[in-house]
Amino acid sequence: GMCSRELKPEEAAQFNQVVIARDGVAVIVHPANP
């Protein structure tokens, strides 16, 4: 399974997990927004 967030504690207990990469969450607007 692919997941793009931290697992909750109860979820982590159900899975083996491995971090394959890290990413940021960008807040985006239209280019013309001042």
PDB file of all heavy atoms in Angstrom:
ATOM      1  N   GLY A   1       0.836  -1.192   0.000  1.00  0.00           N
ATOM      2  CA  GLY A   1       0.000   0.000   0.000  1.00  0.00           C
ATOM      3  C   GLY A   1       0.868   1.238   0.000  1.00  0.00           C
ATOM      4  O   GLY A   1       1.954   1.249   0.603  1.00  0.00           O
ATOM      5  N   MET A   2       0.427   2.279  -0.688  1.00  0.00           N
ATOM      6  CA  MET A   2       1.140   3.561  -0.707  1.00  0.00           C
ATOM      7  C   MET A   2       0.380   4.559   0.174  1.00  0.00           C
ATOM      8  O   MET A   2      -0.841   4.689   0.051  1.00  0.00           O
ATOM      9  CB  MET A   2       1.237   4.114  -2.133  1.00  0.00           C
ATOM     10  CG  MET A   2       1.938   3.209  -3.115  1.00  0.00           C
ATOM     11  SD  MET A   2       1.986   3.908  -4.806  1.00  0.00           S
ATOM     12  CE  MET A   2       0.250   3.787  -5.296  1.00  0.00           C
ATOM     13  N   CYS A   3       1.099   5.265   1.025  1.00  0.00           N
ATOM     14  CA  CYS A   3       0.466   6.215   1.930  1.00  0.00           C
ATOM     15  C   CYS A   3       1.321   7.477   1.985  1.00  0.00           C
ATOM     16  O   CYS A   3       2.553   7.391   2.088  1.00  0.00           O
ATOM     17  CB  CYS A   3       0.332   5.608   3.321  1.00  0.00           C
ATOM     18  SG  CYS A   3      -0.574   6.623   4.504  1.00  0.00           S
ATOM     19  N   SER A   4       0.677   8.647   1.923  1.00  0.00           N
ATOM     20  CA  SER A   4       1.422   9.910   1.891  1.00  0.00           C
ATOM     21  C   SER A   4       1.193  10.726   3.159  1.00  0.00           C
ATOM     22  O   SER A   4       1.039  11.939   3.118  1.00  0.00           O
ATOM     23  CB  SER A   4       1.031  10.720   0.650  1.00  0.00           C
ATOM     24  OG  SER A   4      -0.368  10.908   0.582  1.00  0.00           O
ATOM     25  N   ARG A   5       1.187  10.046   4.286  1.00  0.00           N
ATOM     26  CA  ARG A   5       1.090  10.707   5.591  1.00  0.00           C
ATOM     27  C   ARG A   5       1.646   9.774   6.650  1.00  0.00           C
ATOM     28  O   ARG A   5       1.865   8.583   6.405  1.00  0.00           O
ATOM     29  CB  ARG A   5      -0.361  11.049   5.924  1.00  0.00           C
ATOM     30  CG  ARG A   5      -1.281   9.833   5.992  1.00  0.00           C
ATOM     31  CD  ARG A   5      -2.610  10.154   6.627  1.00  0.00           C
ATOM     32  NE  ARG A   5      -3.575   9.073   6.573  1.00  0.00           N
ATOM     33  CZ  ARG A   5      -3.603   8.035   7.405  1.00  0.00           C
ATOM     34  NH1 ARG A   5      -2.674   7.913   8.363  1.00  0.00           N
ATOM     35  NH2 ARG A   5      -4.535   7.101   7.290  1.00  0.00           N
ATOM     36  N   GLU A   6       1.851  10.305   7.845  1.00  0.00           N
ATOM     37  CA  GLU A   6       2.226   9.466   8.976  1.00  0.00           C
ATOM     38  C   GLU A   6       1.074   8.519   9.311  1.00  0.00           C
ATOM     39  O   GLU A   6      -0.098   8.900   9.253  1.00  0.00           O
ATOM     40  CB  GLU A   6       2.526  10.331  10.204  1.00  0.00           C
ATOM     41  CG  GLU A   6       3.713  11.274  10.053  1.00  0.00           C
ATOM     42  CD  GLU A   6       5.042  10.600  10.323  1.00  0.00           C
ATOM     43  OE1 GLU A   6       5.031   9.369  10.618  1.00  0.00           O
ATOM     44  OE2 GLU A   6       6.071  11.282  10.242  1.00  0.00           O
ATOM     45  N   LEU A   7       1.397   7.300   9.667  1.00  0.00           N
ATOM     46  CA  LEU A   7       0.374   6.388  10.129  1.00  0.00           C
ATOM     47  C   LEU A   7      -0.053   6.759  11.546  1.00  0.00           C
ATOM     48  O   LEU A   7       0.753   7.188  12.361  1.00  0.00           O
ATOM     49  CB  LEU A   7       0.885   4.944  10.129  1.00  0.00           C
ATOM     50  CG  LEU A   7       1.201   4.304   8.778  1.00  0.00           C
ATOM     51  CD1 LEU A   7       1.598   2.845   8.983  1.00  0.00           C
ATOM     52  CD2 LEU A   7       0.034   4.407   7.801  1.00  0.00           C
ATOM     53  N   LYS A   8      -1.339   6.602  11.814  1.00  0.00           N
ATOM     54  CA  LYS A   8      -1.839   6.758  13.176  1.00  0.00           C
ATOM     55  C   LYS A   8      -1.354   5.568  14.005  1.00  0.00           C
ATOM     56  O   LYS A   8      -1.080   4.495  13.453  1.00  0.00           O
ATOM     57  CB  LYS A   8      -3.366   6.823  13.157  1.00  0.00           C
ATOM     58  CG  LYS A   8      -3.909   7.979  12.336  1.00  0.00           C
ATOM     59  CD  LYS A   8      -5.411   7.874  12.124  1.00  0.00           C
ATOM     60  CE  LYS A   8      -5.913   8.963  11.182  1.00  0.00           C
ATOM     61  NZ  LYS A   8      -7.353   8.815  10.867  1.00  0.00           N
ATOM     62  N   PRO A   9      -1.227   5.729  15.326  1.00  0.00           N
ATOM     63  CA  PRO A   9      -0.704   4.628  16.150  1.00  0.00           C
ATOM     64  C   PRO A   9      -1.428   3.306  15.936  1.00  0.00           C
ATOM     65  O   PRO A   9      -0.795   2.249  15.846  1.00  0.00           O
ATOM     66  CB  PRO A   9      -0.883   5.153  17.580  1.00  0.00           C
ATOM     67  CG  PRO A   9      -0.817   6.632  17.448  1.00  0.00           C
ATOM     68  CD  PRO A   9      -1.469   6.948  16.137  1.00  0.00           C
ATOM     69  N   GLU A  10      -2.759   3.368  15.846  1.00  0.00           N
ATOM     70  CA  GLU A  10      -3.509   2.130  15.671  1.00  0.00           C
ATOM     71  C   GLU A  10      -3.272   1.520  14.287  1.00  0.00           C
ATOM     72  O   GLU A  10      -3.342   0.294  14.118  1.00  0.00           O
ATOM     73  CB  GLU A  10      -5.003   2.359  15.909  1.00  0.00           C
ATOM     74  CG  GLU A  10      -5.676   3.330  14.949  1.00  0.00           C
ATOM     75  CD  GLU A  10      -5.652   4.778  15.434  1.00  0.00           C
ATOM     76  OE1 GLU A  10      -4.774   5.121  16.260  1.00  0.00           O
ATOM     77  OE2 GLU A  10      -6.511   5.565  14.971  1.00  0.00           O
ATOM     78  N   GLU A  11      -2.977   2.349  13.290  1.00  0.00           N
ATOM     79  CA  GLU A  11      -2.650   1.834  11.956  1.00  0.00           C
ATOM     80  C   GLU A  11      -1.254   1.231  11.945  1.00  0.00           C
ATOM     81  O   GLU A  11      -1.019   0.177  11.351  1.00  0.00           O
ATOM     82  CB  GLU A  11      -2.748   2.954  10.925  1.00  0.00           C
ATOM     83  CG  GLU A  11      -4.147   3.483  10.709  1.00  0.00           C
ATOM     84  CD  GLU A  11      -4.188   4.754   9.881  1.00  0.00           C
ATOM     85  OE1 GLU A  11      -3.142   5.431   9.754  1.00  0.00           O
ATOM     86  OE2 GLU A  11      -5.278   5.074   9.365  1.00  0.00           O
ATOM     87  N   ALA A  12      -0.317   1.908  12.605  1.00  0.00           N
ATOM     88  CA  ALA A  12       1.065   1.437  12.632  1.00  0.00           C
ATOM     89  C   ALA A  12       1.159   0.039  13.235  1.00  0.00           C
ATOM     90  O   ALA A  12       2.040  -0.751  12.871  1.00  0.00           O
ATOM     91  CB  ALA A  12       1.944   2.411  13.416  1.00  0.00           C
ATOM     92  N   ALA A  13       0.245  -0.279  14.149  1.00  0.00           N
ATOM     93  CA  ALA A  13       0.251  -1.600  14.773  1.00  0.00           C
ATOM     94  C   ALA A  13      -0.177  -2.695  13.801  1.00  0.00           C
ATOM     95  O   ALA A  13       0.084  -3.876  14.040  1.00  0.00           O
ATOM     96  CB  ALA A  13      -0.675  -1.601  15.989  1.00  0.00           C
ATOM     97  N   GLN A  14      -0.811  -2.321  12.700  1.00  0.00           N
ATOM     98  CA  GLN A  14      -1.330  -3.299  11.748  1.00  0.00           C
ATOM     99  C   GLN A  14      -0.417  -3.547  10.551  1.00  0.00           C
ATOM    100  O   GLN A  14      -0.644  -4.492   9.793  1.00  0.00           O
ATOM    101  CB  GLN A  14      -2.693  -2.836  11.222  1.00  0.00           C
ATOM    102  CG  GLN A  14      -3.777  -2.767  12.267  1.00  0.00           C
ATOM    103  CD  GLN A  14      -5.096  -2.342  11.659  1.00  0.00           C
ATOM    104  OE1 GLN A  14      -5.205  -1.271  11.081  1.00  0.00           O
ATOM    105  NE2 GLN A  14      -6.106  -3.192  11.762  1.00  0.00           N
ATOM    106  N   PHE A  15       0.591  -2.690  10.370  1.00  0.00           N
ATOM    107  CA  PHE A  15       1.397  -2.752   9.155  1.00  0.00           C
ATOM    108  C   PHE A  15       2.890  -2.757   9.450  1.00  0.00           C
ATOM    109  O   PHE A  15       3.338  -2.213  10.469  1.00  0.00           O
ATOM    110  CB  PHE A  15       1.112  -1.534   8.259  1.00  0.00           C
ATOM    111  CG  PHE A  15      -0.290  -1.445   7.731  1.00  0.00           C
ATOM    112  CD1 PHE A  15      -1.202  -0.557   8.280  1.00  0.00           C
ATOM    113  CD2 PHE A  15      -0.705  -2.252   6.690  1.00  0.00           C
ATOM    114  CE1 PHE A  15      -2.493  -0.461   7.794  1.00  0.00           C
ATOM    115  CE2 PHE A  15      -1.999  -2.172   6.194  1.00  0.00           C
ATOM    116  CZ  PHE A  15      -2.893  -1.273   6.750  1.00  0.00           C
ATOM    117  N   ASN A  16       3.637  -3.342   8.528  1.00  0.00           N
ATOM    118  CA  ASN A  16       5.051  -3.023   8.393  1.00  0.00           C
ATOM    119  C   ASN A  16       5.124  -1.790   7.499  1.00  0.00           C
ATOM    120  O   ASN A  16       4.419  -1.718   6.496  1.00  0.00           O
ATOM    121  CB  ASN A  16       5.819  -4.173   7.727  1.00  0.00           C
ATOM    122  CG  ASN A  16       6.073  -5.319   8.674  1.00  0.00           C
ATOM    123  OD1 ASN A  16       5.568  -5.326   9.799  1.00  0.00           O
ATOM    124  ND2 ASN A  16       6.824  -6.306   8.215  1.00  0.00           N
ATOM    125  N   GLN A  17       5.941  -0.821   7.844  1.00  0.00           N
ATOM    126  CA  GLN A  17       6.038   0.387   7.032  1.00  0.00           C
ATOM    127  C   GLN A  17       7.486   0.742   6.766  1.00  0.00           C
ATOM    128  O   GLN A  17       8.369   0.475   7.579  1.00  0.00           O
ATOM    129  CB  GLN A  17       5.336   1.560   7.720  1.00  0.00           C
ATOM    130  CG  GLN A  17       5.901   1.940   9.083  1.00  0.00           C
ATOM    131  CD  GLN A  17       5.264   3.194   9.649  1.00  0.00           C
ATOM    132  OE1 GLN A  17       5.280   4.248   9.009  1.00  0.00           O
ATOM    133  NE2 GLN A  17       4.695   3.087  10.845  1.00  0.00           N
ATOM    134  N   VAL A  18       7.702   1.345   5.611  1.00  0.00           N
ATOM    135  CA  VAL A  18       9.037   1.832   5.267  1.00  0.00           C
ATOM    136  C   VAL A  18       8.880   3.174   4.563  1.00  0.00           C
ATOM    137  O   VAL A  18       8.010   3.340   3.714  1.00  0.00           O
ATOM    138  CB  VAL A  18       9.801   0.823   4.371  1.00  0.00           C
ATOM    139  CG1 VAL A  18       9.050   0.533   3.078  1.00  0.00           C
ATOM    140  CG2 VAL A  18      11.208   1.326   4.065  1.00  0.00           C
ATOM    141  N   VAL A  19       9.701   4.143   4.954  1.00  0.00           N
ATOM    142  CA  VAL A  19       9.698   5.452   4.308  1.00  0.00           C
ATOM    143  C   VAL A  19      10.497   5.340   3.015  1.00  0.00           C
ATOM    144  O   VAL A  19      11.666   4.971   3.032  1.00  0.00           O
ATOM    145  CB  VAL A  19      10.322   6.528   5.225  1.00  0.00           C
ATOM    146  CG1 VAL A  19      10.369   7.878   4.510  1.00  0.00           C
ATOM    147  CG2 VAL A  19       9.542   6.647   6.530  1.00  0.00           C
ATOM    148  N   ILE A  20       9.852   5.649   1.885  1.00  0.00           N
ATOM    149  CA  ILE A  20      10.559   5.584   0.602  1.00  0.00           C
ATOM    150  C   ILE A  20      11.049   6.963   0.150  1.00  0.00           C
ATOM    151  O   ILE A  20      11.929   7.061  -0.705  1.00  0.00           O
ATOM    152  CB  ILE A  20       9.691   4.941  -0.491  1.00  0.00           C
ATOM    153  CG1 ILE A  20       8.447   5.787  -0.787  1.00  0.00           C
ATOM    154  CG2 ILE A  20       9.321   3.518  -0.110  1.00  0.00           C
ATOM    155  CD1 ILE A  20       7.741   5.403  -2.073  1.00  0.00           C
ATOM    156  N   ALA A  21      10.470   8.031   0.690  1.00  0.00           N
ATOM    157  CA  ALA A  21      10.892   9.392   0.363  1.00  0.00           C
ATOM    158  C   ALA A  21      10.169  10.338   1.312  1.00  0.00           C
ATOM    159  O   ALA A  21       9.286   9.929   2.068  1.00  0.00           O
ATOM    160  CB  ALA A  21      10.559   9.747  -1.083  1.00  0.00           C
ATOM    161  N   ARG A  22      10.554  11.602   1.277  1.00  0.00           N
ATOM    162  CA  ARG A  22       9.867  12.631   2.061  1.00  0.00           C
ATOM    163  C   ARG A  22       9.457  13.761   1.115  1.00  0.00           C
ATOM    164  O   ARG A  22      10.069  13.967   0.074  1.00  0.00           O
ATOM    165  CB  ARG A  22      10.757  13.150   3.192  1.00  0.00           C
ATOM    166  CG  ARG A  22      11.099  12.064   4.195  1.00  0.00           C
ATOM    167  CD  ARG A  22      11.816  12.581   5.425  1.00  0.00           C
ATOM    168  NE  ARG A  22      12.179  11.484   6.293  1.00  0.00           N
ATOM    169  CZ  ARG A  22      11.372  10.909   7.174  1.00  0.00           C
ATOM    170  NH1 ARG A  22      10.125  11.367   7.301  1.00  0.00           N
ATOM    171  NH2 ARG A  22      11.769   9.901   7.914  1.00  0.00           N
ATOM    172  N   ASP A  23       8.409  14.472   1.511  1.00  0.00           N
ATOM    173  CA  ASP A  23       7.845  15.504   0.654  1.00  0.00           C
ATOM    174  C   ASP A  23       7.304  16.633   1.517  1.00  0.00           C
ATOM    175  O   ASP A  23       7.009  16.442   2.698  1.00  0.00           O
ATOM    176  CB  ASP A  23       6.717  14.900  -0.190  1.00  0.00           C
ATOM    177  CG  ASP A  23       6.128  15.873  -1.204  1.00  0.00           C
ATOM    178  OD1 ASP A  23       6.899  16.720  -1.720  1.00  0.00           O
ATOM    179  OD2 ASP A  23       4.929  15.784  -1.483  1.00  0.00           O
ATOM    180  N   GLY A  24       7.179  17.806   0.927  1.00  0.00           N
ATOM    181  CA  GLY A  24       6.501  18.905   1.590  1.00  0.00           C
ATOM    182  C   GLY A  24       5.078  19.028   1.091  1.00  0.00           C
ATOM    183  O   GLY A  24       4.729  18.518   0.021  1.00  0.00           O
ATOM    184  N   VAL A  25       4.230  19.677   1.878  1.00  0.00           N
ATOM    185  CA  VAL A  25       2.882  20.036   1.438  1.00  0.00           C
ATOM    186  C   VAL A  25       2.920  21.523   1.107  1.00  0.00           C
ATOM    187  O   VAL A  25       3.131  22.356   1.989  1.00  0.00           O
ATOM    188  CB  VAL A  25       1.828  19.750   2.524  1.00  0.00           C
ATOM    189  CG1 VAL A  25       0.454  20.220   2.061  1.00  0.00           C
ATOM    190  CG2 VAL A  25       1.803  18.266   2.868  1.00  0.00           C
ATOM    191  N   ALA A  26       2.780  21.847  -0.171  1.00  0.00           N
ATOM    192  CA  ALA A  26       2.841  23.239  -0.616  1.00  0.00           C
ATOM    193  C   ALA A  26       1.453  23.859  -0.601  1.00  0.00           C
ATOM    194  O   ALA A  26       0.472  23.224  -0.996  1.00  0.00           O
ATOM    195  CB  ALA A  26       3.426  23.313  -2.021  1.00  0.00           C
ATOM    196  N   VAL A  27       1.367  25.100  -0.136  1.00  0.00           N
ATOM    197  CA  VAL A  27       0.129  25.876  -0.204  1.00  0.00           C
ATOM    198  C   VAL A  27       0.224  26.734  -1.457  1.00  0.00           C
ATOM    199  O   VAL A  27       1.161  27.529  -1.607  1.00  0.00           O
ATOM    200  CB  VAL A  27      -0.052  26.747   1.053  1.00  0.00           C
ATOM    201  CG1 VAL A  27      -1.335  27.579   0.950  1.00  0.00           C
ATOM    202  CG2 VAL A  27      -0.078  25.871   2.301  1.00  0.00           C
ATOM    203  N   ILE A  28      -0.719  26.571  -2.384  1.00  0.00           N
ATOM    204  CA  ILE A  28      -0.582  27.177  -3.710  1.00  0.00           C
ATOM    205  C   ILE A  28      -1.717  28.148  -4.020  1.00  0.00           C
ATOM    206  O   ILE A  28      -2.839  27.991  -3.542  1.00  0.00           O
ATOM    207  CB  ILE A  28      -0.495  26.109  -4.816  1.00  0.00           C
ATOM    208  CG1 ILE A  28      -1.790  25.278  -4.887  1.00  0.00           C
ATOM    209  CG2 ILE A  28       0.722  25.212  -4.604  1.00  0.00           C
ATOM    210  CD1 ILE A  28      -1.891  24.400  -6.133  1.00  0.00           C
ATOM    211  N   VAL A  29      -1.394  29.150  -4.848  1.00  0.00           N
ATOM    212  CA  VAL A  29      -2.368  30.131  -5.327  1.00  0.00           C
ATOM    213  C   VAL A  29      -2.103  30.387  -6.808  1.00  0.00           C
ATOM    214  O   VAL A  29      -1.092  29.945  -7.371  1.00  0.00           O
ATOM    215  CB  VAL A  29      -2.272  31.462  -4.540  1.00  0.00           C
ATOM    216  CG1 VAL A  29      -2.608  31.254  -3.072  1.00  0.00           C
ATOM    217  CG2 VAL A  29      -0.885  32.102  -4.687  1.00  0.00           C
ATOM    218  N   HIS A  30      -3.004  31.132  -7.434  1.00  0.00           N
ATOM    219  CA  HIS A  30      -2.836  31.540  -8.826  1.00  0.00           C
ATOM    220  C   HIS A  30      -1.602  32.440  -8.941  1.00  0.00           C
ATOM    221  O   HIS A  30      -1.325  33.243  -8.038  1.00  0.00           O
ATOM    222  CB  HIS A  30      -4.084  32.304  -9.273  1.00  0.00           C
ATOM    223  CG  HIS A  30      -4.147  32.567 -10.739  1.00  0.00           C
ATOM    224  ND1 HIS A  30      -3.496  33.627 -11.337  1.00  0.00           N
ATOM    225  CD2 HIS A  30      -4.806  31.916 -11.728  1.00  0.00           C
ATOM    226  CE1 HIS A  30      -3.746  33.618 -12.625  1.00  0.00           C
ATOM    227  NE2 HIS A  30      -4.528  32.590 -12.899  1.00  0.00           N
ATOM    228  N   PRO A  31      -0.829  32.344 -10.027  1.00  0.00           N
ATOM    229  CA  PRO A  31       0.377  33.169 -10.170  1.00  0.00           C
ATOM    230  C   PRO A  31       0.114  34.672 -10.079  1.00  0.00           C
ATOM    231  O   PRO A  31       1.007  35.431  -9.672  1.00  0.00           O
ATOM    232  CB  PRO A  31       0.904  32.788 -11.556  1.00  0.00           C
ATOM    233  CG  PRO A  31       0.374  31.422 -11.804  1.00  0.00           C
ATOM    234  CD  PRO A  31      -0.986  31.391 -11.140  1.00  0.00           C
ATOM    235  N   ALA A  32      -1.086  35.127 -10.458  1.00  0.00           N
ATOM    236  CA  ALA A  32      -1.392  36.559 -10.420  1.00  0.00           C
ATOM    237  C   ALA A  32      -1.780  37.052  -9.026  1.00  0.00           C
ATOM    238  O   ALA A  32      -1.916  38.258  -8.815  1.00  0.00           O
ATOM    239  CB  ALA A  32      -2.528  36.872 -11.398  1.00  0.00           C
ATOM    240  N   ASN A  33      -1.941  36.162  -8.080  1.00  0.00           N
ATOM    241  CA  ASN A  33      -2.299  36.568  -6.723  1.00  0.00           C
ATOM    242  C   ASN A  33      -1.124  37.342  -6.110  1.00  0.00           C
ATOM    243  O   ASN A  33       0.004  36.854  -6.106  1.00  0.00           O
ATOM    244  CB  ASN A  33      -2.619  35.331  -5.877  1.00  0.00           C
ATOM    245  CG  ASN A  33      -3.289  35.674  -4.561  1.00  0.00           C
ATOM    246  OD1 ASN A  33      -2.908  36.626  -3.882  1.00  0.00           O
ATOM    247  ND2 ASN A  33      -4.276  34.883  -4.194  1.00  0.00           N
ATOM    248  N   PRO A  34      -1.337  38.549  -5.578  1.00  0.00           N
ATOM    249  CA  PRO A  34      -0.231  39.333  -5.033  1.00  0.00           C
ATOM    250  C   PRO A  34       0.303  38.810  -3.701  1.00  0.00           C
ATOM    251  O   PRO A  34       1.385  39.217  -3.263  1.00  0.00           O
ATOM    252  CB  PRO A  34      -0.844  40.729  -4.849  1.00  0.00           C
ATOM    253  CG  PRO A  34      -2.303  40.483  -4.667  1.00  0.00           C
ATOM    254  CD  PRO A  34      -2.618  39.296  -5.534  1.00  0.00           C
TER     255      PRO A  34
END
